[in-house]
Amino acid sequence: MSRFLNSSRFTQLILLFFFGLFANAQGEIENQLIDHYEDFSAAPRELVYVHLNKSTYVEGEMLGFT
């Protein structure tokens, strides 16, 4: 019986060790995702300015860009 308990404890320790490794690995992936998102959001934005010849338009009116 004691041999069974020892092997059971050994198995539990091995499983606990591997689950600890996986939990740590998930934290690293999360940090990498956050870093990639911050790098992406830090990129300069492209802005488009449109100069139109009128200040108001009627619904359905055609716009002409020059």
Protein backbone atom coordinates (compact mmCIF):
# COMPACT_ATOMS: atom_id res chain seq x y z
CA MET A 1 0.00 0.00 0.00
CA SER A 2 2.80 2.43 0.84
CA ARG A 3 4.39 1.83 -2.57
CA PHE A 4 1.10 2.83 -4.21
CA LEU A 5 0.97 6.00 -2.11
CA ASN A 6 4.56 6.90 -3.02
CA SER A 7 3.94 6.44 -6.73
CA SER A 8 0.72 8.44 -6.42
CA ARG A 9 2.56 11.30 -4.70
CA PHE A 10 5.31 11.18 -7.29
CA THR A 11 2.71 11.41 -10.07
CA GLN A 12 1.02 14.31 -8.31
CA LEU A 13 4.32 16.17 -7.97
CA ILE A 14 5.14 15.64 -11.65
CA LEU A 15 1.69 16.89 -12.70
CA LEU A 16 1.96 19.90 -10.41
CA PHE A 17 5.36 20.73 -11.90
CA PHE A 18 4.11 20.56 -15.49
CA PHE A 19 0.97 22.57 -14.74
CA GLY A 20 3.20 25.21 -13.18
CA LEU A 21 5.27 25.38 -16.36
CA PHE A 22 2.17 25.80 -18.53
CA ALA A 23 0.80 28.54 -16.27
CA ASN A 24 4.09 30.44 -16.55
CA ALA A 25 4.15 30.02 -20.34
CA GLN A 26 0.68 31.55 -20.66
CA GLY A 27 1.86 34.66 -18.83
CA GLU A 28 4.72 35.09 -21.30
CA ILE A 29 2.37 34.78 -24.27
CA GLU A 30 0.06 37.36 -22.71
CA ASN A 31 2.97 39.77 -22.27
CA GLN A 32 4.03 39.23 -25.89
CA LEU A 33 0.51 39.99 -27.11
CA ILE A 34 0.37 43.16 -25.06
CA ASP A 35 3.78 44.26 -26.40
CA HIS A 36 2.72 43.62 -30.02
CA TYR A 37 -0.52 45.56 -29.50
CA GLU A 38 1.33 48.50 -27.97
CA ASP A 39 3.80 48.51 -30.89
CA PHE A 40 0.91 48.46 -33.37
CA SER A 41 -0.98 51.27 -31.62
CA ALA A 42 2.19 53.40 -31.39
CA ALA A 43 2.52 53.53 -35.19
CA PRO A 44 1.68 56.94 -36.69
CA ARG A 45 -1.81 57.27 -38.14
CA GLU A 46 -2.44 58.39 -41.69
CA LEU A 47 -4.77 61.37 -41.88
CA VAL A 48 -6.80 62.40 -44.91
CA TYR A 49 -7.88 65.99 -45.41
CA VAL A 50 -10.60 66.79 -47.94
CA HIS A 51 -11.05 70.30 -49.28
CA LEU A 52 -14.48 70.78 -50.80
CA ASN A 53 -15.70 73.84 -52.70
CA LYS A 54 -18.91 74.27 -50.66
CA SER A 55 -19.73 74.29 -46.96
CA THR A 56 -23.17 72.63 -47.28
CA TYR A 57 -24.55 70.00 -49.62
CA VAL A 58 -28.08 68.86 -50.45
CA GLU A 59 -28.97 65.19 -50.10
CA GLY A 60 -28.33 63.34 -53.35
CA GLU A 61 -26.05 66.05 -54.77
CA MET A 62 -22.99 64.82 -56.65
CA LEU A 63 -19.60 65.65 -55.16
CA GLY A 64 -16.76 66.66 -57.41
CA PHE A 65 -13.19 66.17 -56.26
CA THR A 66 -10.45 68.09 -58.04
